[in-house]
Structures are given as C-alpha cells and as structure tokens.
Protein backbone atom coordinates (compact mmCIF):
# COMPACT_ATOMS: atom_id res chain seq x y z
CA MET A 1 -41.83 -12.14 9.11
CA HIS A 2 -42.85 -14.51 12.39
CA GLN A 3 -46.21 -14.44 11.12
CA ASN A 4 -44.95 -15.56 7.36
CA ILE A 5 -43.07 -18.26 8.96
CA GLU A 6 -46.16 -19.31 11.38
CA LYS A 7 -48.44 -19.18 8.11
CA LEU A 8 -45.95 -21.17 6.35
CA THR A 9 -45.97 -23.79 8.72
CA THR A 10 -49.91 -23.92 9.12
CA GLU A 11 -50.43 -24.50 5.70
CA SER A 12 -47.33 -26.71 5.33
CA ILE A 13 -48.75 -28.80 8.01
CA LYS A 14 -52.04 -29.78 5.96
CA LEU A 15 -50.20 -30.57 2.95
CA PRO A 16 -49.57 -34.72 2.49
CA ARG A 17 -47.06 -36.19 3.97
CA ARG A 18 -45.26 -36.94 0.54
CA ARG A 19 -45.11 -33.34 -0.12
CA ARG A 20 -43.99 -32.26 3.49
CA LEU A 21 -41.43 -34.79 2.36
CA GLU A 22 -40.23 -33.09 -0.88
CA ILE A 23 -40.00 -29.67 0.96
CA VAL A 24 -37.86 -31.27 3.08
CA ASN A 25 -35.73 -32.71 1.21
CA PHE A 26 -35.74 -29.83 -1.34
CA LEU A 27 -34.50 -27.23 2.05
CA HIS A 28 -31.95 -30.07 2.54
CA PHE A 29 -30.49 -30.11 -0.94
CA LEU A 30 -30.43 -25.89 -0.28
CA ASP A 31 -28.34 -26.13 2.87
CA ASN A 32 -25.92 -28.87 1.74
CA ARG A 33 -24.88 -26.54 -1.54
CA SER A 34 -24.17 -23.62 0.99
CA SER A 35 -20.36 -22.66 1.69
CA ASP A 36 -20.98 -23.73 5.13
CA SER A 37 -21.98 -27.31 4.78
CA ASP A 38 -18.33 -28.81 4.84
CA ASP A 39 -18.55 -26.71 8.11
CA VAL A 40 -21.72 -29.19 9.16
CA GLN A 41 -20.30 -32.16 7.70
CA SER A 42 -17.57 -31.68 9.89
CA VAL A 43 -19.12 -31.41 13.28
CA TRP A 44 -21.72 -34.19 12.31
CA GLU A 45 -18.81 -36.74 11.52
CA LYS A 46 -17.14 -35.89 15.11
CA GLU A 47 -20.28 -35.89 16.48
CA ILE A 48 -20.66 -39.53 14.99
CA MET A 49 -17.14 -40.46 16.37
CA ASP A 50 -17.25 -38.79 20.14
CA ARG A 51 -20.54 -41.32 20.44
CA VAL A 52 -19.08 -44.30 19.08
CA ARG A 53 -16.03 -43.76 21.13
CA SER A 54 -18.46 -43.67 24.27
CA VAL A 55 -19.93 -46.76 23.38
CA ASP A 56 -16.42 -48.35 22.53
CA GLU A 57 -15.05 -46.96 26.21
CA GLU A 58 -18.68 -48.00 27.96
CA THR A 59 -19.21 -44.36 29.04
CA ALA A 60 -22.76 -44.17 26.98
CA ILE A 61 -25.81 -43.26 28.46
CA GLY A 62 -28.91 -45.00 27.09
CA ILE A 63 -32.13 -44.40 27.91
CA ASP A 64 -35.00 -46.69 27.31
CA TYR A 65 -36.61 -47.01 23.98
CA ASP A 66 -40.44 -45.97 25.04
CA GLN A 67 -38.28 -43.36 26.84
CA ALA A 68 -36.94 -41.72 24.15
CA LEU A 69 -40.15 -42.16 21.93
CA GLN A 70 -42.19 -39.97 24.76
CA LYS A 71 -39.21 -37.39 25.02
CA ILE A 72 -39.24 -37.26 21.38
CA GLU A 73 -43.15 -36.74 21.48
CA LYS A 74 -43.38 -34.51 23.88
CA CYS A 75 -41.10 -31.59 21.38
CA PHE A 76 -42.81 -32.59 18.53
CA ILE A 77 -46.59 -33.36 19.66
CA GLN A 78 -47.92 -30.73 22.17
C-alpha cells in the first residue's frame, strides 16, 4: 500500500497546480461528509477560541514572519 501512495504522490506533484487543488478540494469534501466531521469542526472551533483567548490575554507567543516561512518551507521542501 505504501508504494501506491508514493506513486500517487509522485504523479500528483507533476500535475498543474489547478488540478492538484481540485484533488485537494475533492478530498476535503469527502472528509467533510464523514460522520466525524462534526467532531473535527468542534476541535477546530476550540483551537481557534483558545488561540484568540491567548492573544487577548497577551500570553500568545509569536514568531517573526520570515522565521515562520522558513519553518513551513523546511517542513514541505526538502
């Protein structure tokens, strides 16, 4: 199974950006149809509220924008 996922990923990367986004949107649509989508939604709502609260209480720890981009690139571009 792992090889199938690897092959699918490799082939997907070769697609134009618009086609990749269509696939992502479709997969997201499928996830939202699942019975646990309400659970996912409530978890995200709690996470958002926790983050807003920490900003309001001035306990949020931020990082520089450029540092954030570097971290993101490091995760996705290797």
